[in-house]
């Protein structure tokens, strides 16, 4: 009976840690690690493609401006 009261007091002070809680923390850490790894891999694929698209759009913008200057049309 004395040991149960000591355990109850320790659990009331948040000193008691159950095995279920530790398991949940480990699962949460692995979940966060996997999500960050997947986002890291997607970053390589997306930003490489986006970088190429940005350069393509810049080239098209320069061509459009040069065409406007050469033809002498007014922008509406």
PDB file of N, CA and C in Angstrom:
ATOM      1  N   UNK A   1       0.813  -1.188   0.000  1.00  0.00           N
ATOM      2  CA  UNK A   1       0.000   0.000   0.000  1.00  0.00           C
ATOM      3  C   UNK A   1       0.862   1.260   0.000  1.00  0.00           C
ATOM      4  N   UNK A   2       1.962   1.212   0.690  1.00  0.00           N
ATOM      5  CA  UNK A   2       2.831   2.387   0.718  1.00  0.00           C
ATOM      6  C   UNK A   2       3.435   2.631  -0.665  1.00  0.00           C
ATOM      7  N   UNK A   3       3.834   1.570  -1.359  1.00  0.00           N
ATOM      8  CA  UNK A   3       4.418   1.747  -2.680  1.00  0.00           C
ATOM      9  C   UNK A   3       3.416   2.310  -3.674  1.00  0.00           C
ATOM     10  N   UNK A   4       2.138   1.939  -3.555  1.00  0.00           N
ATOM     11  CA  UNK A   4       1.141   2.477  -4.486  1.00  0.00           C
ATOM     12  C   UNK A   4       0.926   3.964  -4.247  1.00  0.00           C
ATOM     13  N   UNK A   5       0.976   4.403  -2.966  1.00  0.00           N
ATOM     14  CA  UNK A   5       0.797   5.830  -2.713  1.00  0.00           C
ATOM     15  C   UNK A   5       1.991   6.624  -3.217  1.00  0.00           C
ATOM     16  N   UNK A   6       3.186   6.077  -3.103  1.00  0.00           N
ATOM     17  CA  UNK A   6       4.370   6.767  -3.618  1.00  0.00           C
ATOM     18  C   UNK A   6       4.287   6.879  -5.127  1.00  0.00           C
ATOM     19  N   UNK A   7       3.852   5.801  -5.792  1.00  0.00           N
ATOM     20  CA  UNK A   7       3.709   5.820  -7.240  1.00  0.00           C
ATOM     21  C   UNK A   7       2.642   6.822  -7.670  1.00  0.00           C
ATOM     22  N   UNK A   8       1.530   6.862  -6.950  1.00  0.00           N
ATOM     23  CA  UNK A   8       0.475   7.818  -7.294  1.00  0.00           C
ATOM     24  C   UNK A   8       0.968   9.251  -7.132  1.00  0.00           C
ATOM     25  N   UNK A   9       1.754   9.517  -6.074  1.00  0.00           N
ATOM     26  CA  UNK A   9       2.279  10.873  -5.891  1.00  0.00           C
ATOM     27  C   UNK A   9       3.249  11.240  -7.007  1.00  0.00           C
ATOM     28  N   UNK A  10       4.113  10.315  -7.399  1.00  0.00           N
ATOM     29  CA  UNK A  10       5.060  10.596  -8.474  1.00  0.00           C
ATOM     30  C   UNK A  10       4.336  10.818  -9.799  1.00  0.00           C
ATOM     31  N   UNK A  11       3.298  10.039 -10.061  1.00  0.00           N
ATOM     32  CA  UNK A  11       2.541  10.220 -11.305  1.00  0.00           C
ATOM     33  C   UNK A  11       1.795  11.549 -11.296  1.00  0.00           C
ATOM     34  N   UNK A  12       1.357  11.971 -10.123  1.00  0.00           N
ATOM     35  CA  UNK A  12       0.658  13.257 -10.026  1.00  0.00           C
ATOM     36  C   UNK A  12       1.605  14.406 -10.332  1.00  0.00           C
ATOM     37  N   UNK A  13       2.893  14.229 -10.075  1.00  0.00           N
ATOM     38  CA  UNK A  13       3.884  15.275 -10.349  1.00  0.00           C
ATOM     39  C   UNK A  13       4.486  15.129 -11.742  1.00  0.00           C
ATOM     40  N   UNK A  14       3.920  14.313 -12.577  1.00  0.00           N
ATOM     41  CA  UNK A  14       4.381  14.049 -13.948  1.00  0.00           C
ATOM     42  C   UNK A  14       5.781  13.436 -13.988  1.00  0.00           C
ATOM     43  N   UNK A  15       6.146  12.708 -12.946  1.00  0.00           N
ATOM     44  CA  UNK A  15       7.423  12.018 -12.916  1.00  0.00           C
ATOM     45  C   UNK A  15       7.265  10.629 -13.510  1.00  0.00           C
ATOM     46  N   UNK A  16       6.077  10.075 -13.378  1.00  0.00           N
ATOM     47  CA  UNK A  16       5.801   8.718 -13.853  1.00  0.00           C
ATOM     48  C   UNK A  16       5.726   8.718 -15.380  1.00  0.00           C
ATOM     49  N   UNK A  17       6.471   7.822 -16.018  1.00  0.00           N
ATOM     50  CA  UNK A  17       6.455   7.695 -17.472  1.00  0.00           C
ATOM     51  C   UNK A  17       6.128   6.251 -17.802  1.00  0.00           C
ATOM     52  N   UNK A  18       5.045   6.047 -18.513  1.00  0.00           N
ATOM     53  CA  UNK A  18       4.660   4.681 -18.856  1.00  0.00           C
ATOM     54  C   UNK A  18       5.337   4.260 -20.155  1.00  0.00           C
ATOM     55  N   UNK A  19       5.379   2.956 -20.385  1.00  0.00           N
ATOM     56  CA  UNK A  19       5.981   2.432 -21.607  1.00  0.00           C
ATOM     57  C   UNK A  19       5.145   2.818 -22.824  1.00  0.00           C
ATOM     58  N   UNK A  20       3.845   2.939 -22.652  1.00  0.00           N
ATOM     59  CA  UNK A  20       2.968   3.321 -23.756  1.00  0.00           C
ATOM     60  C   UNK A  20       3.299   4.740 -24.218  1.00  0.00           C
ATOM     61  N   UNK A  21       3.564   5.634 -23.270  1.00  0.00           N
ATOM     62  CA  UNK A  21       3.902   7.014 -23.605  1.00  0.00           C
ATOM     63  C   UNK A  21       5.214   7.077 -24.380  1.00  0.00           C
ATOM     64  N   UNK A  22       6.209   6.315 -23.940  1.00  0.00           N
ATOM     65  CA  UNK A  22       7.498   6.290 -24.628  1.00  0.00           C
ATOM     66  C   UNK A  22       7.331   5.756 -26.049  1.00  0.00           C
ATOM     67  N   UNK A  23       6.501   4.737 -26.215  1.00  0.00           N
ATOM     68  CA  UNK A  23       6.229   4.197 -27.545  1.00  0.00           C
ATOM     69  C   UNK A  23       5.573   5.219 -28.451  1.00  0.00           C
ATOM     70  N   UNK A  24       4.653   5.995 -27.902  1.00  0.00           N
ATOM     71  CA  UNK A  24       3.983   7.036 -28.693  1.00  0.00           C
ATOM     72  C   UNK A  24       4.970   8.119 -29.114  1.00  0.00           C
ATOM     73  N   UNK A  25       5.886   8.480 -28.230  1.00  0.00           N
ATOM     74  CA  UNK A  25       6.891   9.499 -28.554  1.00  0.00           C
ATOM     75  C   UNK A  25       7.807   8.998 -29.667  1.00  0.00           C
ATOM     76  N   UNK A  26       8.219   7.738 -29.584  1.00  0.00           N
ATOM     77  CA  UNK A  26       9.087   7.176 -30.621  1.00  0.00           C
ATOM     78  C   UNK A  26       8.368   7.137 -31.961  1.00  0.00           C
ATOM     79  N   UNK A  27       7.104   6.751 -31.970  1.00  0.00           N
ATOM     80  CA  UNK A  27       6.327   6.738 -33.223  1.00  0.00           C
ATOM     81  C   UNK A  27       6.203   8.150 -33.785  1.00  0.00           C
ATOM     82  N   UNK A  28       5.970   9.131 -32.911  1.00  0.00           N
ATOM     83  CA  UNK A  28       5.840  10.515 -33.368  1.00  0.00           C
ATOM     84  C   UNK A  28       7.155  11.018 -33.970  1.00  0.00           C
ATOM     85  N   UNK A  29       8.279  10.698 -33.338  1.00  0.00           N
ATOM     86  CA  UNK A  29       9.574  11.139 -33.853  1.00  0.00           C
ATOM     87  C   UNK A  29       9.854  10.500 -35.212  1.00  0.00           C
ATOM     88  N   UNK A  30       9.552   9.200 -35.361  1.00  0.00           N
ATOM     89  CA  UNK A  30       9.751   8.535 -36.655  1.00  0.00           C
ATOM     90  C   UNK A  30       8.839   9.122 -37.727  1.00  0.00           C
ATOM     91  N   UNK A  31       7.618   9.457 -37.350  1.00  0.00           N
ATOM     92  CA  UNK A  31       6.681  10.063 -38.316  1.00  0.00           C
ATOM     93  C   UNK A  31       7.210  11.407 -38.796  1.00  0.00           C
ATOM     94  N   UNK A  32       7.685  12.228 -37.872  1.00  0.00           N
ATOM     95  CA  UNK A  32       8.234  13.536 -38.241  1.00  0.00           C
ATOM     96  C   UNK A  32       9.470  13.364 -39.126  1.00  0.00           C
ATOM     97  N   UNK A  33      10.330  12.403 -38.788  1.00  0.00           N
ATOM     98  CA  UNK A  33      11.538  12.171 -39.578  1.00  0.00           C
ATOM     99  C   UNK A  33      11.187  11.731 -40.999  1.00  0.00           C
ATOM    100  N   UNK A  34      10.205  10.857 -41.143  1.00  0.00           N
ATOM    101  CA  UNK A  34       9.805  10.383 -42.476  1.00  0.00           C
ATOM    102  C   UNK A  34       9.189  11.515 -43.288  1.00  0.00           C
ATOM    103  N   UNK A  35       8.347  12.332 -42.652  1.00  0.00           N
ATOM    104  CA  UNK A  35       7.723  13.457 -43.361  1.00  0.00           C
ATOM    105  C   UNK A  35       8.792  14.442 -43.833  1.00  0.00           C
ATOM    106  N   UNK A  36       9.761  14.757 -42.977  1.00  0.00           N
ATOM    107  CA  UNK A  36      10.832  15.678 -43.369  1.00  0.00           C
ATOM    108  C   UNK A  36      11.686  15.107 -44.492  1.00  0.00           C
ATOM    109  N   UNK A  37      11.940  13.794 -44.463  1.00  0.00           N
ATOM    110  CA  UNK A  37      12.728  13.161 -45.515  1.00  0.00           C
ATOM    111  C   UNK A  37      11.996  13.213 -46.852  1.00  0.00           C
ATOM    112  N   UNK A  38      10.695  12.945 -46.838  1.00  0.00           N
ATOM    113  CA  UNK A  38       9.907  12.992 -48.073  1.00  0.00           C
ATOM    114  C   UNK A  38       9.865  14.416 -48.622  1.00  0.00           C
ATOM    115  N   UNK A  39       9.683  15.403 -47.743  1.00  0.00           N
ATOM    116  CA  UNK A  39       9.676  16.795 -48.199  1.00  0.00           C
ATOM    117  C   UNK A  39      11.037  17.213 -48.748  1.00  0.00           C
ATOM    118  N   UNK A  40      12.111  16.701 -48.142  1.00  0.00           N
ATOM    119  CA  UNK A  40      13.462  16.978 -48.632  1.00  0.00           C
ATOM    120  C   UNK A  40      13.654  16.418 -50.035  1.00  0.00           C
ATOM    121  N   UNK A  41      13.184  15.184 -50.271  1.00  0.00           N
ATOM    122  CA  UNK A  41      13.285  14.588 -51.607  1.00  0.00           C
ATOM    123  C   UNK A  41      12.433  15.344 -52.621  1.00  0.00           C
ATOM    124  N   UNK A  42      11.231  15.745 -52.216  1.00  0.00           N
ATOM    125  CA  UNK A  42      10.374  16.519 -53.122  1.00  0.00           C
ATOM    126  C   UNK A  42      11.001  17.871 -53.447  1.00  0.00           C
ATOM    127  N   UNK A  43      11.720  18.436 -52.504  1.00  0.00           N
ATOM    128  CA  UNK A  43      12.379  19.721 -52.741  1.00  0.00           C
ATOM    129  C   UNK A  43      13.385  19.642 -53.868  1.00  0.00           C
ATOM    130  N   UNK A  44      14.126  18.538 -53.942  1.00  0.00           N
ATOM    131  CA  UNK A  44      15.076  18.379 -55.044  1.00  0.00           C
ATOM    132  C   UNK A  44      14.353  18.327 -56.381  1.00  0.00           C
ATOM    133  N   UNK A  45      13.285  17.561 -56.470  1.00  0.00           N
ATOM    134  CA  UNK A  45      12.570  17.393 -57.738  1.00  0.00           C
ATOM    135  C   UNK A  45      11.835  18.665 -58.138  1.00  0.00           C
ATOM    136  N   UNK A  46      11.123  19.268 -57.201  1.00  0.00           N
ATOM    137  CA  UNK A  46      10.284  20.428 -57.516  1.00  0.00           C
ATOM    138  C   UNK A  46      11.139  21.642 -57.843  1.00  0.00           C
ATOM    139  N   UNK A  47      12.160  21.909 -57.049  1.00  0.00           N
ATOM    140  CA  UNK A  47      12.927  23.123 -57.282  1.00  0.00           C
ATOM    141  C   UNK A  47      13.818  23.014 -58.510  1.00  0.00           C
ATOM    142  N   UNK A  48      14.246  21.815 -58.874  1.00  0.00           N
ATOM    143  CA  UNK A  48      14.997  21.677 -60.120  1.00  0.00           C
ATOM    144  C   UNK A  48      14.104  21.975 -61.308  1.00  0.00           C
ATOM    145  N   UNK A  49      12.880  21.478 -61.284  1.00  0.00           N
ATOM    146  CA  UNK A  49      11.929  21.750 -62.373  1.00  0.00           C
ATOM    147  C   UNK A  49      11.515  23.213 -62.351  1.00  0.00           C
ATOM    148  N   UNK A  50      11.247  23.745 -61.171  1.00  0.00           N
ATOM    149  CA  UNK A  50      10.810  25.142 -61.064  1.00  0.00           C
ATOM    150  C   UNK A  50      11.912  26.089 -61.518  1.00  0.00           C
ATOM    151  N   UNK A  51      13.165  25.752 -61.227  1.00  0.00           N
ATOM    152  CA  UNK A  51      14.273  26.594 -61.670  1.00  0.00           C
ATOM    153  C   UNK A  51      14.336  26.674 -63.185  1.00  0.00           C
ATOM    154  N   UNK A  52      14.142  25.538 -63.852  1.00  0.00           N
ATOM    155  CA  UNK A  52      14.120  25.521 -65.313  1.00  0.00           C
ATOM    156  C   UNK A  52      12.940  26.304 -65.872  1.00  0.00           C
ATOM    157  N   UNK A  53      11.773  26.175 -65.232  1.00  0.00           N
ATOM    158  CA  UNK A  53      10.594  26.913 -65.694  1.00  0.00           C
ATOM    159  C   UNK A  53      10.763  28.419 -65.510  1.00  0.00           C
ATOM    160  N   UNK A  54      11.383  28.819 -64.420  1.00  0.00           N
ATOM    161  CA  UNK A  54      11.614  30.249 -64.195  1.00  0.00           C
ATOM    162  C   UNK A  54      12.540  30.816 -65.265  1.00  0.00           C
ATOM    163  N   UNK A  55      13.591  30.079 -65.625  1.00  0.00           N
ATOM    164  CA  UNK A  55      14.486  30.546 -66.688  1.00  0.00           C
ATOM    165  C   UNK A  55      13.761  30.610 -68.027  1.00  0.00           C
ATOM    166  N   UNK A  56      12.927  29.634 -68.292  1.00  0.00           N
ATOM    167  CA  UNK A  56      12.148  29.636 -69.535  1.00  0.00           C
ATOM    168  C   UNK A  56      11.214  30.836 -69.582  1.00  0.00           C
ATOM    169  N   UNK A  57      10.541  31.129 -68.473  1.00  0.00           N
ATOM    170  CA  UNK A  57       9.646  32.291 -68.432  1.00  0.00           C
ATOM    171  C   UNK A  57      10.419  33.603 -68.585  1.00  0.00           C
ATOM    172  N   UNK A  58      11.608  33.679 -68.006  1.00  0.00           N
ATOM    173  CA  UNK A  58      12.419  34.889 -68.176  1.00  0.00           C
ATOM    174  C   UNK A  58      12.835  35.084 -69.630  1.00  0.00           C
ATOM    175  N   UNK A  59      13.211  34.016 -70.310  1.00  0.00           N
ATOM    176  CA  UNK A  59      13.576  34.100 -71.727  1.00  0.00           C
ATOM    177  C   UNK A  59      12.382  34.534 -72.556  1.00  0.00           C
ATOM    178  N   UNK A  60      11.201  33.957 -72.275  1.00  0.00           N
ATOM    179  CA  UNK A  60       9.988  34.356 -73.012  1.00  0.00           C
ATOM    180  C   UNK A  60       9.643  35.823 -72.748  1.00  0.00           C
ATOM    181  N   UNK A  61       9.843  36.301 -71.519  1.00  0.00           N
ATOM    182  CA  UNK A  61       9.565  37.704 -71.210  1.00  0.00           C
ATOM    183  C   UNK A  61      10.509  38.628 -71.967  1.00  0.00           C
ATOM    184  N   UNK A  62      11.784  38.264 -72.035  1.00  0.00           N
ATOM    185  CA  UNK A  62      12.756  39.087 -72.779  1.00  0.00           C
ATOM    186  C   UNK A  62      12.408  39.095 -74.260  1.00  0.00           C
ATOM    187  N   UNK A  63      12.011  37.947 -74.797  1.00  0.00           N
ATOM    188  CA  UNK A  63      11.612  37.889 -76.213  1.00  0.00           C
ATOM    189  C   UNK A  63      10.383  38.761 -76.453  1.00  0.00           C
ATOM    190  N   UNK A  64       9.401  38.724 -75.546  1.00  0.00           N
ATOM    191  CA  UNK A  64       8.182  39.532 -75.701  1.00  0.00           C
ATOM    192  C   UNK A  64       8.510  41.021 -75.643  1.00  0.00           C
ATOM    193  N   UNK A  65       9.396  41.421 -74.741  1.00  0.00           N
ATOM    194  CA  UNK A  65       9.773  42.836 -74.648  1.00  0.00           C
ATOM    195  C   UNK A  65      10.536  43.266 -75.897  1.00  0.00           C
ATOM    196  N   UNK A  66      11.448  42.425 -76.370  1.00  0.00           N
ATOM    197  CA  UNK A  66      12.200  42.755 -77.588  1.00  0.00           C
ATOM    198  C   UNK A  66      11.251  42.858 -78.780  1.00  0.00           C
ATOM    199  N   UNK A  67      10.274  41.978 -78.869  1.00  0.00           N
ATOM    200  CA  UNK A  67       9.296  42.025 -79.969  1.00  0.00           C
ATOM    201  C   UNK A  67       8.490  43.322 -79.909  1.00  0.00           C
ATOM    202  N   UNK A  68       8.081  43.707 -78.691  1.00  0.00           N
ATOM    203  CA  UNK A  68       7.334  44.955 -78.526  1.00  0.00           C
ATOM    204  C   UNK A  68       8.183  46.156 -78.972  1.00  0.00           C
ATOM    205  N   UNK A  69       9.450  46.166 -78.641  1.00  0.00           N
ATOM    206  CA  UNK A  69      10.334  47.280 -78.999  1.00  0.00           C
ATOM    207  C   UNK A  69      10.599  47.315 -80.507  1.00  0.00           C
ATOM    208  N   UNK A  70      10.775  46.147 -81.099  1.00  0.00           N
ATOM    209  CA  UNK A  70      11.089  46.098 -82.529  1.00  0.00           C
ATOM    210  C   UNK A  70       9.876  46.484 -83.375  1.00  0.00           C
ATOM    211  N   UNK A  71       8.693  45.982 -83.058  1.00  0.00           N
ATOM    212  CA  UNK A  71       7.516  46.250 -83.873  1.00  0.00           C
ATOM    213  C   UNK A  71       6.949  47.643 -83.602  1.00  0.00           C
ATOM    214  N   UNK A  72       7.250  48.220 -82.466  1.00  0.00           N
ATOM    215  CA  UNK A  72       6.780  49.557 -82.165  1.00  0.00           C
ATOM    216  C   UNK A  72       5.324  49.617 -81.772  1.00  0.00           C
ATOM    217  N   UNK A  73       4.721  48.523 -81.425  1.00  0.00           N
ATOM    218  CA  UNK A  73       3.311  48.543 -80.991  1.00  0.00           C
ATOM    219  C   UNK A  73       3.209  49.122 -79.600  1.00  0.00           C
ATOM    220  N   UNK A  74       2.079  49.803 -79.368  1.00  0.00           N
ATOM    221  CA  UNK A  74       1.816  50.338 -78.033  1.00  0.00           C
ATOM    222  C   UNK A  74       1.172  49.255 -77.181  1.00  0.00           C
ATOM    223  N   UNK A  75       1.561  49.246 -75.947  1.00  0.00           N
ATOM    224  CA  UNK A  75       0.979  48.278 -75.012  1.00  0.00           C
ATOM    225  C   UNK A  75      -0.361  48.817 -74.546  1.00  0.00           C
ATOM    226  N   UNK A  76      -1.385  47.976 -74.581  1.00  0.00           N
ATOM    227  CA  UNK A  76      -2.724  48.411 -74.196  1.00  0.00           C
ATOM    228  C   UNK A  76      -2.925  48.285 -72.732  1.00  0.00           C
TER     229      UNK A  76
END
